[in-house]
PDB file of N, CA and C in Angstrom:
ATOM      1  N   UNK A   1     -51.759 -10.823  52.521  1.00  0.00           N
ATOM      2  CA  UNK A   1     -50.853 -11.532  52.785  1.00  0.00           C
ATOM      3  C   UNK A   1     -50.352 -12.043  54.229  1.00  0.00           C
ATOM      4  N   UNK A   2     -51.682 -12.898  55.029  1.00  0.00           N
ATOM      5  CA  UNK A   2     -51.509 -13.286  56.015  1.00  0.00           C
ATOM      6  C   UNK A   2     -51.260 -14.724  56.447  1.00  0.00           C
ATOM      7  N   UNK A   3     -50.916 -14.665  57.822  1.00  0.00           N
ATOM      8  CA  UNK A   3     -50.883 -15.804  59.075  1.00  0.00           C
ATOM      9  C   UNK A   3     -50.719 -15.628  59.867  1.00  0.00           C
ATOM     10  N   UNK A   4     -52.183 -16.987  60.784  1.00  0.00           N
ATOM     11  CA  UNK A   4     -52.131 -16.966  62.093  1.00  0.00           C
ATOM     12  C   UNK A   4     -50.775 -18.055  62.590  1.00  0.00           C
ATOM     13  N   UNK A   5     -51.061 -17.022  63.601  1.00  0.00           N
ATOM     14  CA  UNK A   5     -49.948 -17.277  65.325  1.00  0.00           C
ATOM     15  C   UNK A   5     -50.547 -17.316  65.868  1.00  0.00           C
ATOM     16  N   UNK A   6     -50.688 -18.636  66.580  1.00  0.00           N
ATOM     17  CA  UNK A   6     -51.380 -18.837  67.848  1.00  0.00           C
ATOM     18  C   UNK A   6     -52.289 -17.431  68.129  1.00  0.00           C
ATOM     19  N   UNK A   7     -53.081 -18.152  67.640  1.00  0.00           N
ATOM     20  CA  UNK A   7     -54.794 -16.819  67.233  1.00  0.00           C
ATOM     21  C   UNK A   7     -54.889 -15.617  67.352  1.00  0.00           C
ATOM     22  N   UNK A   8     -53.364 -15.012  66.052  1.00  0.00           N
ATOM     23  CA  UNK A   8     -53.045 -14.189  65.740  1.00  0.00           C
ATOM     24  C   UNK A   8     -53.020 -13.732  64.614  1.00  0.00           C
ATOM     25  N   UNK A   9     -53.648 -12.924  63.954  1.00  0.00           N
ATOM     26  CA  UNK A   9     -53.356 -12.558  62.631  1.00  0.00           C
ATOM     27  C   UNK A   9     -52.401 -11.813  61.969  1.00  0.00           C
ATOM     28  N   UNK A  10     -50.827 -12.631  61.698  1.00  0.00           N
ATOM     29  CA  UNK A  10     -49.413 -11.471  61.092  1.00  0.00           C
ATOM     30  C   UNK A  10     -50.072 -11.552  60.514  1.00  0.00           C
ATOM     31  N   UNK A  11     -48.997 -10.444  59.840  1.00  0.00           N
ATOM     32  CA  UNK A  11     -49.258  -9.434  58.238  1.00  0.00           C
ATOM     33  C   UNK A  11     -47.634  -9.135  57.741  1.00  0.00           C
ATOM     34  N   UNK A  12     -48.279  -9.000  56.475  1.00  0.00           N
ATOM     35  CA  UNK A  12     -47.124  -9.220  56.323  1.00  0.00           C
ATOM     36  C   UNK A  12     -46.686  -7.534  56.872  1.00  0.00           C
ATOM     37  N   UNK A  13     -47.610  -6.838  56.294  1.00  0.00           N
ATOM     38  CA  UNK A  13     -47.507  -5.110  56.819  1.00  0.00           C
ATOM     39  C   UNK A  13     -47.234  -5.485  57.845  1.00  0.00           C
ATOM     40  N   UNK A  14     -47.596  -5.762  59.160  1.00  0.00           N
ATOM     41  CA  UNK A  14     -47.023  -5.683  60.122  1.00  0.00           C
ATOM     42  C   UNK A  14     -45.666  -6.064  60.980  1.00  0.00           C
ATOM     43  N   UNK A  15     -45.115  -6.864  60.241  1.00  0.00           N
ATOM     44  CA  UNK A  15     -44.183  -7.638  60.037  1.00  0.00           C
ATOM     45  C   UNK A  15     -43.128  -6.000  59.705  1.00  0.00           C
ATOM     46  N   UNK A  16     -42.492  -5.964  58.791  1.00  0.00           N
ATOM     47  CA  UNK A  16     -42.444  -4.654  57.179  1.00  0.00           C
ATOM     48  C   UNK A  16     -42.223  -3.415  59.056  1.00  0.00           C
ATOM     49  N   UNK A  17     -43.591  -2.734  59.286  1.00  0.00           N
ATOM     50  CA  UNK A  17     -43.842  -2.576  60.160  1.00  0.00           C
ATOM     51  C   UNK A  17     -42.352  -2.536  61.404  1.00  0.00           C
ATOM     52  N   UNK A  18     -42.411  -3.809  62.287  1.00  0.00           N
ATOM     53  CA  UNK A  18     -41.755  -4.381  62.890  1.00  0.00           C
ATOM     54  C   UNK A  18     -40.294  -4.383  62.553  1.00  0.00           C
ATOM     55  N   UNK A  19     -39.985  -4.558  61.907  1.00  0.00           N
ATOM     56  CA  UNK A  19     -38.129  -4.575  61.062  1.00  0.00           C
ATOM     57  C   UNK A  19     -38.139  -2.977  60.776  1.00  0.00           C
ATOM     58  N   UNK A  20     -38.739  -2.359  60.584  1.00  0.00           N
ATOM     59  CA  UNK A  20     -38.575  -1.397  60.319  1.00  0.00           C
ATOM     60  C   UNK A  20     -38.025  -0.465  62.015  1.00  0.00           C
ATOM     61  N   UNK A  21     -39.529  -0.597  63.137  1.00  0.00           N
ATOM     62  CA  UNK A  21     -38.960  -1.066  64.913  1.00  0.00           C
ATOM     63  C   UNK A  21     -37.789  -1.377  64.677  1.00  0.00           C
ATOM     64  N   UNK A  22     -37.112  -2.220  65.101  1.00  0.00           N
ATOM     65  CA  UNK A  22     -36.508  -3.309  65.305  1.00  0.00           C
ATOM     66  C   UNK A  22     -34.791  -1.967  64.449  1.00  0.00           C
ATOM     67  N   UNK A  23     -35.186  -1.676  63.369  1.00  0.00           N
ATOM     68  CA  UNK A  23     -34.127  -0.724  62.801  1.00  0.00           C
ATOM     69  C   UNK A  23     -33.192   0.462  63.631  1.00  0.00           C
ATOM     70  N   UNK A  24     -34.355   0.838  64.063  1.00  0.00           N
ATOM     71  CA  UNK A  24     -34.393   1.859  64.763  1.00  0.00           C
ATOM     72  C   UNK A  24     -34.413   1.867  66.197  1.00  0.00           C
ATOM     73  N   UNK A  25     -34.228   0.882  66.525  1.00  0.00           N
ATOM     74  CA  UNK A  25     -34.501   0.656  68.149  1.00  0.00           C
ATOM     75  C   UNK A  25     -33.002   0.195  68.935  1.00  0.00           C
ATOM     76  N   UNK A  26     -32.330  -0.500  67.237  1.00  0.00           N
ATOM     77  CA  UNK A  26     -31.349  -1.293  67.602  1.00  0.00           C
ATOM     78  C   UNK A  26     -30.916  -1.058  65.889  1.00  0.00           C
ATOM     79  N   UNK A  27     -30.150   0.068  66.346  1.00  0.00           N
ATOM     80  CA  UNK A  27     -29.044   0.816  64.183  1.00  0.00           C
ATOM     81  C   UNK A  27     -28.115  -0.668  63.834  1.00  0.00           C
ATOM     82  N   UNK A  28     -27.792  -0.476  65.235  1.00  0.00           N
ATOM     83  CA  UNK A  28     -26.497  -2.413  65.381  1.00  0.00           C
ATOM     84  C   UNK A  28     -27.402  -3.270  65.386  1.00  0.00           C
ATOM     85  N   UNK A  29     -27.721  -4.399  64.356  1.00  0.00           N
ATOM     86  CA  UNK A  29     -28.541  -5.202  64.041  1.00  0.00           C
ATOM     87  C   UNK A  29     -28.418  -5.991  66.092  1.00  0.00           C
ATOM     88  N   UNK A  30     -26.964  -5.848  66.207  1.00  0.00           N
ATOM     89  CA  UNK A  30     -25.992  -6.633  66.792  1.00  0.00           C
ATOM     90  C   UNK A  30     -26.232  -6.250  68.570  1.00  0.00           C
ATOM     91  N   UNK A  31     -26.982  -4.883  68.708  1.00  0.00           N
ATOM     92  CA  UNK A  31     -26.851  -4.659  70.032  1.00  0.00           C
ATOM     93  C   UNK A  31     -27.853  -5.164  71.236  1.00  0.00           C
ATOM     94  N   UNK A  32     -28.882  -6.261  70.048  1.00  0.00           N
ATOM     95  CA  UNK A  32     -30.104  -6.679  70.725  1.00  0.00           C
ATOM     96  C   UNK A  32     -29.579  -8.056  71.131  1.00  0.00           C
ATOM     97  N   UNK A  33     -29.820  -8.481  72.256  1.00  0.00           N
ATOM     98  CA  UNK A  33     -28.536  -9.418  73.451  1.00  0.00           C
ATOM     99  C   UNK A  33     -27.577  -9.839  72.864  1.00  0.00           C
ATOM    100  N   UNK A  34     -26.340  -9.314  71.628  1.00  0.00           N
ATOM    101  CA  UNK A  34     -25.456  -9.481  70.447  1.00  0.00           C
ATOM    102  C   UNK A  34     -26.064 -11.204  69.805  1.00  0.00           C
ATOM    103  N   UNK A  35     -26.848 -11.351  69.701  1.00  0.00           N
ATOM    104  CA  UNK A  35     -28.293 -12.063  69.592  1.00  0.00           C
ATOM    105  C   UNK A  35     -26.760 -12.732  68.111  1.00  0.00           C
ATOM    106  N   UNK A  36     -26.135 -11.811  67.251  1.00  0.00           N
ATOM    107  CA  UNK A  36     -25.117 -12.292  66.150  1.00  0.00           C
ATOM    108  C   UNK A  36     -24.130 -13.321  66.881  1.00  0.00           C
ATOM    109  N   UNK A  37     -23.591 -13.073  67.923  1.00  0.00           N
ATOM    110  CA  UNK A  37     -22.482 -14.052  68.103  1.00  0.00           C
ATOM    111  C   UNK A  37     -23.013 -15.468  69.165  1.00  0.00           C
ATOM    112  N   UNK A  38     -24.418 -15.167  68.958  1.00  0.00           N
ATOM    113  CA  UNK A  38     -25.065 -16.473  69.820  1.00  0.00           C
ATOM    114  C   UNK A  38     -25.143 -17.360  69.465  1.00  0.00           C
ATOM    115  N   UNK A  39     -24.637 -19.030  69.888  1.00  0.00           N
ATOM    116  CA  UNK A  39     -25.412 -19.919  68.703  1.00  0.00           C
ATOM    117  C   UNK A  39     -26.783 -20.647  69.199  1.00  0.00           C
ATOM    118  N   UNK A  40     -27.309 -20.243  70.327  1.00  0.00           N
ATOM    119  CA  UNK A  40     -28.956 -20.338  70.145  1.00  0.00           C
ATOM    120  C   UNK A  40     -29.347 -20.148  69.460  1.00  0.00           C
ATOM    121  N   UNK A  41     -29.101 -18.682  68.563  1.00  0.00           N
ATOM    122  CA  UNK A  41     -30.030 -18.111  67.698  1.00  0.00           C
ATOM    123  C   UNK A  41     -29.487 -18.432  66.388  1.00  0.00           C
ATOM    124  N   UNK A  42     -30.350 -19.486  65.651  1.00  0.00           N
ATOM    125  CA  UNK A  42     -29.738 -20.295  64.261  1.00  0.00           C
ATOM    126  C   UNK A  42     -30.633 -19.369  63.020  1.00  0.00           C
ATOM    127  N   UNK A  43     -30.967 -19.461  63.366  1.00  0.00           N
ATOM    128  CA  UNK A  43     -31.199 -18.590  61.857  1.00  0.00           C
ATOM    129  C   UNK A  43     -31.346 -16.626  61.368  1.00  0.00           C
ATOM    130  N   UNK A  44     -31.843 -15.947  61.017  1.00  0.00           N
ATOM    131  CA  UNK A  44     -31.971 -14.392  61.568  1.00  0.00           C
ATOM    132  C   UNK A  44     -33.210 -14.104  59.156  1.00  0.00           C
ATOM    133  N   UNK A  45     -34.306 -13.351  59.858  1.00  0.00           N
ATOM    134  CA  UNK A  45     -34.729 -12.988  58.496  1.00  0.00           C
ATOM    135  C   UNK A  45     -33.885 -12.044  58.039  1.00  0.00           C
ATOM    136  N   UNK A  46     -33.907 -11.815  56.707  1.00  0.00           N
ATOM    137  CA  UNK A  46     -32.642 -10.883  55.787  1.00  0.00           C
ATOM    138  C   UNK A  46     -33.855 -10.269  54.968  1.00  0.00           C
ATOM    139  N   UNK A  47     -33.378  -9.265  54.755  1.00  0.00           N
ATOM    140  CA  UNK A  47     -34.336  -7.652  54.886  1.00  0.00           C
ATOM    141  C   UNK A  47     -33.816  -7.003  54.273  1.00  0.00           C
ATOM    142  N   UNK A  48     -33.443  -6.161  53.069  1.00  0.00           N
ATOM    143  CA  UNK A  48     -32.914  -4.522  52.894  1.00  0.00           C
ATOM    144  C   UNK A  48     -31.091  -4.875  53.470  1.00  0.00           C
ATOM    145  N   UNK A  49     -30.971  -6.145  53.289  1.00  0.00           N
ATOM    146  CA  UNK A  49     -29.799  -6.266  53.584  1.00  0.00           C
ATOM    147  C   UNK A  49     -28.636  -6.515  54.848  1.00  0.00           C
ATOM    148  N   UNK A  50     -30.357  -7.322  55.831  1.00  0.00           N
ATOM    149  CA  UNK A  50     -29.977  -6.707  56.946  1.00  0.00           C
ATOM    150  C   UNK A  50     -30.417  -7.733  57.566  1.00  0.00           C
ATOM    151  N   UNK A  51     -29.448  -8.340  59.193  1.00  0.00           N
ATOM    152  CA  UNK A  51     -30.872  -9.924  59.839  1.00  0.00           C
ATOM    153  C   UNK A  51     -31.099  -9.165  60.721  1.00  0.00           C
ATOM    154  N   UNK A  52     -32.269 -10.119  60.657  1.00  0.00           N
ATOM    155  CA  UNK A  52     -33.456  -9.895  61.868  1.00  0.00           C
ATOM    156  C   UNK A  52     -32.823 -10.823  63.261  1.00  0.00           C
ATOM    157  N   UNK A  53     -33.559 -10.804  63.783  1.00  0.00           N
ATOM    158  CA  UNK A  53     -33.623 -12.353  64.664  1.00  0.00           C
ATOM    159  C   UNK A  53     -35.288 -12.929  64.587  1.00  0.00           C
ATOM    160  N   UNK A  54     -35.786 -13.877  63.852  1.00  0.00           N
ATOM    161  CA  UNK A  54     -36.986 -13.908  63.770  1.00  0.00           C
ATOM    162  C   UNK A  54     -38.313 -14.007  65.406  1.00  0.00           C
ATOM    163  N   UNK A  55     -37.367 -14.853  66.183  1.00  0.00           N
ATOM    164  CA  UNK A  55     -38.075 -14.829  66.967  1.00  0.00           C
ATOM    165  C   UNK A  55     -38.586 -13.346  67.883  1.00  0.00           C
ATOM    166  N   UNK A  56     -37.710 -12.372  68.089  1.00  0.00           N
ATOM    167  CA  UNK A  56     -38.257 -11.546  68.211  1.00  0.00           C
ATOM    168  C   UNK A  56     -38.925 -10.790  67.476  1.00  0.00           C
ATOM    169  N   UNK A  57     -38.358 -10.429  66.096  1.00  0.00           N
ATOM    170  CA  UNK A  57     -39.477  -9.818  65.479  1.00  0.00           C
ATOM    171  C   UNK A  57     -41.102 -10.635  65.453  1.00  0.00           C
ATOM    172  N   UNK A  58     -41.481 -11.802  65.506  1.00  0.00           N
ATOM    173  CA  UNK A  58     -42.463 -12.931  65.708  1.00  0.00           C
ATOM    174  C   UNK A  58     -42.889 -12.184  67.079  1.00  0.00           C
ATOM    175  N   UNK A  59     -41.771 -12.154  67.828  1.00  0.00           N
ATOM    176  CA  UNK A  59     -42.618 -11.838  68.759  1.00  0.00           C
ATOM    177  C   UNK A  59     -43.475 -10.468  69.686  1.00  0.00           C
ATOM    178  N   UNK A  60     -43.143  -9.327  68.223  1.00  0.00           N
ATOM    179  CA  UNK A  60     -43.060  -8.158  68.453  1.00  0.00           C
ATOM    180  C   UNK A  60     -44.453  -7.470  67.675  1.00  0.00           C
ATOM    181  N   UNK A  61     -44.440  -8.049  66.968  1.00  0.00           N
ATOM    182  CA  UNK A  61     -45.579  -8.761  65.374  1.00  0.00           C
ATOM    183  C   UNK A  61     -46.916  -9.392  66.102  1.00  0.00           C
ATOM    184  N   UNK A  62     -46.718 -11.127  67.124  1.00  0.00           N
ATOM    185  CA  UNK A  62     -47.736 -11.303  67.651  1.00  0.00           C
ATOM    186  C   UNK A  62     -48.461 -11.279  68.553  1.00  0.00           C
ATOM    187  N   UNK A  63     -47.362 -10.651  70.049  1.00  0.00           N
ATOM    188  CA  UNK A  63     -47.664 -10.184  71.212  1.00  0.00           C
ATOM    189  C   UNK A  63     -47.609 -11.288  71.904  1.00  0.00           C
ATOM    190  N   UNK A  64     -47.048 -12.101  71.423  1.00  0.00           N
ATOM    191  CA  UNK A  64     -46.813 -13.312  72.389  1.00  0.00           C
ATOM    192  C   UNK A  64     -45.575 -13.061  72.409  1.00  0.00           C
ATOM    193  N   UNK A  65     -45.387 -14.278  74.303  1.00  0.00           N
ATOM    194  CA  UNK A  65     -44.012 -13.693  74.386  1.00  0.00           C
ATOM    195  C   UNK A  65     -42.578 -14.863  74.192  1.00  0.00           C
ATOM    196  N   UNK A  66     -41.921 -14.652  74.229  1.00  0.00           N
ATOM    197  CA  UNK A  66     -41.097 -15.823  73.437  1.00  0.00           C
ATOM    198  C   UNK A  66     -40.988 -16.590  73.961  1.00  0.00           C
ATOM    199  N   UNK A  67     -40.954 -16.351  75.526  1.00  0.00           N
ATOM    200  CA  UNK A  67     -41.394 -17.678  76.427  1.00  0.00           C
ATOM    201  C   UNK A  67     -42.204 -18.745  75.705  1.00  0.00           C
ATOM    202  N   UNK A  68     -43.205 -18.271  74.598  1.00  0.00           N
ATOM    203  CA  UNK A  68     -44.347 -19.066  74.718  1.00  0.00           C
ATOM    204  C   UNK A  68     -44.518 -19.907  73.182  1.00  0.00           C
ATOM    205  N   UNK A  69     -43.466 -19.145  72.658  1.00  0.00           N
ATOM    206  CA  UNK A  69     -43.287 -20.525  71.770  1.00  0.00           C
ATOM    207  C   UNK A  69     -41.271 -21.035  71.053  1.00  0.00           C
ATOM    208  N   UNK A  70     -41.182 -21.439  70.680  1.00  0.00           N
ATOM    209  CA  UNK A  70     -40.491 -21.584  70.094  1.00  0.00           C
ATOM    210  C   UNK A  70     -40.205 -20.904  68.987  1.00  0.00           C
ATOM    211  N   UNK A  71     -38.436 -21.267  68.837  1.00  0.00           N
ATOM    212  CA  UNK A  71     -37.550 -20.253  67.253  1.00  0.00           C
ATOM    213  C   UNK A  71     -38.053 -21.999  66.111  1.00  0.00           C
ATOM    214  N   UNK A  72     -36.729 -21.687  65.751  1.00  0.00           N
ATOM    215  CA  UNK A  72     -36.934 -22.526  64.714  1.00  0.00           C
ATOM    216  C   UNK A  72     -37.673 -22.346  63.449  1.00  0.00           C
ATOM    217  N   UNK A  73     -38.331 -24.129  63.127  1.00  0.00           N
ATOM    218  CA  UNK A  73     -39.294 -24.496  62.019  1.00  0.00           C
ATOM    219  C   UNK A  73     -41.169 -23.222  62.325  1.00  0.00           C
ATOM    220  N   UNK A  74     -40.959 -23.038  63.826  1.00  0.00           N
ATOM    221  CA  UNK A  74     -42.079 -22.573  64.155  1.00  0.00           C
ATOM    222  C   UNK A  74     -42.220 -21.714  64.053  1.00  0.00           C
ATOM    223  N   UNK A  75     -40.716 -20.930  63.812  1.00  0.00           N
ATOM    224  CA  UNK A  75     -41.158 -19.325  63.838  1.00  0.00           C
ATOM    225  C   UNK A  75     -40.953 -19.433  62.645  1.00  0.00           C
ATOM    226  N   UNK A  76     -39.969 -20.131  61.601  1.00  0.00           N
ATOM    227  CA  UNK A  76     -39.650 -19.349  60.263  1.00  0.00           C
ATOM    228  C   UNK A  76     -40.630 -19.277  59.389  1.00  0.00           C
ATOM    229  N   UNK A  77     -41.526 -19.988  59.790  1.00  0.00           N
ATOM    230  CA  UNK A  77     -42.592 -20.566  58.312  1.00  0.00           C
ATOM    231  C   UNK A  77     -43.599 -19.251  58.336  1.00  0.00           C
ATOM    232  N   UNK A  78     -43.583 -19.255  59.696  1.00  0.00           N
ATOM    233  CA  UNK A  78     -43.913 -17.764  59.209  1.00  0.00           C
ATOM    234  C   UNK A  78     -43.864 -16.443  58.249  1.00  0.00           C
ATOM    235  N   UNK A  79     -42.079 -16.044  58.703  1.00  0.00           N
ATOM    236  CA  UNK A  79     -42.207 -15.680  58.176  1.00  0.00           C
ATOM    237  C   UNK A  79     -41.839 -16.212  56.149  1.00  0.00           C
ATOM    238  N   UNK A  80     -41.569 -16.537  55.639  1.00  0.00           N
ATOM    239  CA  UNK A  80     -41.600 -17.765  54.827  1.00  0.00           C
ATOM    240  C   UNK A  80     -43.084 -17.599  54.291  1.00  0.00           C
ATOM    241  N   UNK A  81     -44.242 -17.668  54.800  1.00  0.00           N
ATOM    242  CA  UNK A  81     -45.708 -18.075  54.240  1.00  0.00           C
ATOM    243  C   UNK A  81     -45.298 -16.766  53.864  1.00  0.00           C
ATOM    244  N   UNK A  82     -44.884 -15.687  54.311  1.00  0.00           N
ATOM    245  CA  UNK A  82     -45.204 -13.818  54.164  1.00  0.00           C
ATOM    246  C   UNK A  82     -44.246 -13.713  53.056  1.00  0.00           C
ATOM    247  N   UNK A  83     -43.919 -14.188  52.161  1.00  0.00           N
ATOM    248  CA  UNK A  83     -42.953 -14.015  51.486  1.00  0.00           C
ATOM    249  C   UNK A  83     -41.120 -13.687  52.062  1.00  0.00           C
ATOM    250  N   UNK A  84     -40.874 -13.814  53.836  1.00  0.00           N
ATOM    251  CA  UNK A  84     -39.732 -12.849  53.862  1.00  0.00           C
ATOM    252  C   UNK A  84     -38.899 -14.311  53.620  1.00  0.00           C
ATOM    253  N   UNK A  85     -37.528 -13.974  53.366  1.00  0.00           N
ATOM    254  CA  UNK A  85     -36.309 -14.828  53.516  1.00  0.00           C
ATOM    255  C   UNK A  85     -36.004 -15.988  54.466  1.00  0.00           C
ATOM    256  N   UNK A  86     -35.423 -16.445  54.835  1.00  0.00           N
ATOM    257  CA  UNK A  86     -34.864 -16.745  56.555  1.00  0.00           C
ATOM    258  C   UNK A  86     -33.588 -17.995  55.744  1.00  0.00           C
ATOM    259  N   UNK A  87     -33.269 -17.053  56.544  1.00  0.00           N
ATOM    260  CA  UNK A  87     -31.420 -17.771  55.940  1.00  0.00           C
ATOM    261  C   UNK A  87     -30.585 -18.523  57.456  1.00  0.00           C
ATOM    262  N   UNK A  88     -29.805 -18.815  57.823  1.00  0.00           N
ATOM    263  CA  UNK A  88     -29.589 -19.688  58.813  1.00  0.00           C
ATOM    264  C   UNK A  88     -27.955 -18.639  59.045  1.00  0.00           C
ATOM    265  N   UNK A  89     -27.862 -18.463  60.204  1.00  0.00           N
ATOM    266  CA  UNK A  89     -26.712 -17.221  60.563  1.00  0.00           C
ATOM    267  C   UNK A  89     -24.848 -17.658  60.880  1.00  0.00           C
TER     268      UNK A  89
END
């Protein structure tokens, strides 16, 4: 299962690796930029009972700076196409 994003093939396995790395780097998911408290972060990838910042994860997987793309539907459609659940936070 894959999805092309900004010229990079993003796979479900690559996303899973990025989610695991995020869990290691940020045991408390909110340690990343206090993102759960900020209104500009409107969505989350929900996986295994945790919430993850979609734009950050997609940046990690694709190698594209978060400044080079928008969040919201542009980001969320990648996760949905790969079978991940995206929720409003």
